[in-house]
């Protein structure tokens, strides 16, 4: 990543996971490059993932890798526009 974090592309990806697959999904998420945080949450989604990349193309590649994880039913990606 570049030394200026404000230039990086950052996103939160919320995941709905098939019942009983949370631990499997967590293990696979930890192996994906640029995943900086993974948390099991309550509410509409089961897991939230933070991803930081240098380019939007790289962000696209990381989200595609996440989409291919067996046990994920749905994703919702929110790119961070400004962070304080």
Protein backbone atom coordinates (compact mmCIF):
# COMPACT_ATOMS: atom_id res chain seq x y z
CA UNK A 1 0.00 0.00 0.00
CA UNK A 2 1.07 3.56 -0.51
CA UNK A 3 2.40 5.57 2.40
CA UNK A 4 -0.56 7.98 2.15
CA UNK A 5 -3.53 6.02 3.52
CA UNK A 6 -6.00 8.64 2.23
CA UNK A 7 -5.18 7.46 -1.30
CA UNK A 8 -6.11 3.84 -0.58
CA UNK A 9 -9.49 2.35 -1.41
CA UNK A 10 -11.24 1.12 1.72
CA UNK A 11 -14.53 -0.73 2.04
CA UNK A 12 -16.73 -2.57 4.46
CA UNK A 13 -18.29 -5.76 3.15
CA UNK A 14 -21.24 -7.17 5.05
CA UNK A 15 -21.89 -10.89 4.63
CA UNK A 16 -24.89 -13.12 5.17
CA UNK A 17 -23.67 -16.63 5.91
CA UNK A 18 -25.37 -20.00 5.61
CA UNK A 19 -26.31 -21.44 9.00
CA UNK A 20 -23.43 -23.47 10.44
CA UNK A 21 -20.79 -22.07 8.03
CA UNK A 22 -19.55 -19.05 10.02
CA UNK A 23 -16.27 -20.63 11.21
CA UNK A 24 -15.48 -21.96 7.72
CA UNK A 25 -16.11 -18.53 6.17
CA UNK A 26 -13.99 -16.80 8.85
CA UNK A 27 -11.06 -19.13 8.17
CA UNK A 28 -11.18 -18.39 4.44
CA UNK A 29 -11.56 -14.63 4.91
CA UNK A 30 -8.37 -14.54 7.00
CA UNK A 31 -6.44 -15.92 4.01
CA UNK A 32 -7.48 -13.17 1.57
CA UNK A 33 -4.91 -10.42 0.98
CA UNK A 34 -5.89 -6.87 2.00
CA UNK A 35 -8.50 -8.01 4.53
CA UNK A 36 -7.64 -5.84 7.54
CA UNK A 37 -10.50 -6.73 9.90
CA UNK A 38 -13.13 -9.44 10.25
CA UNK A 39 -15.90 -9.38 12.88
CA UNK A 40 -18.91 -11.54 13.61
CA UNK A 41 -21.84 -9.19 14.20
CA UNK A 42 -25.53 -9.23 15.08
CA UNK A 43 -28.32 -7.83 12.97
CA UNK A 44 -29.14 -8.17 9.30
CA UNK A 45 -25.66 -9.47 8.43
CA UNK A 46 -23.50 -12.11 10.12
CA UNK A 47 -19.96 -10.89 9.37
CA UNK A 48 -18.41 -7.53 8.51
CA UNK A 49 -15.08 -7.38 6.70
CA UNK A 50 -12.84 -4.37 6.16
CA UNK A 51 -10.71 -4.40 3.01
CA UNK A 52 -8.00 -1.87 2.07
CA UNK A 53 -6.43 -1.81 -1.39
CA UNK A 54 -4.40 0.58 -3.51
CA UNK A 55 -6.72 0.61 -6.54
CA UNK A 56 -10.37 -0.02 -7.36
CA UNK A 57 -9.29 -2.88 -9.63
CA UNK A 58 -7.62 -4.54 -6.67
CA UNK A 59 -10.76 -3.93 -4.56
CA UNK A 60 -12.80 -5.61 -7.30
CA UNK A 61 -10.48 -8.62 -7.22
CA UNK A 62 -10.73 -8.95 -3.43
CA UNK A 63 -14.54 -8.74 -3.50
CA UNK A 64 -14.63 -11.39 -6.22
CA UNK A 65 -12.51 -13.68 -4.03
CA UNK A 66 -14.92 -13.13 -1.15
CA UNK A 67 -17.92 -13.88 -3.38
CA UNK A 68 -16.44 -17.28 -4.21
CA UNK A 69 -16.26 -18.44 -0.58
CA UNK A 70 -18.61 -21.36 -0.03
CA UNK A 71 -21.22 -20.61 2.61
CA UNK A 72 -21.73 -16.92 1.82
CA UNK A 73 -25.32 -16.26 0.78
CA UNK A 74 -25.22 -12.50 0.15
CA UNK A 75 -22.82 -9.56 0.31
CA UNK A 76 -23.24 -5.80 0.56
CA UNK A 77 -20.16 -3.69 -0.16
CA UNK A 78 -19.82 -0.07 0.98
CA UNK A 79 -16.75 1.85 -0.21
CA UNK A 80 -15.58 4.43 2.32
CA UNK A 81 -15.64 7.92 0.82
CA UNK A 82 -14.26 9.83 3.81
CA UNK A 83 -13.06 8.65 7.19
CA UNK A 84 -12.35 10.56 10.41
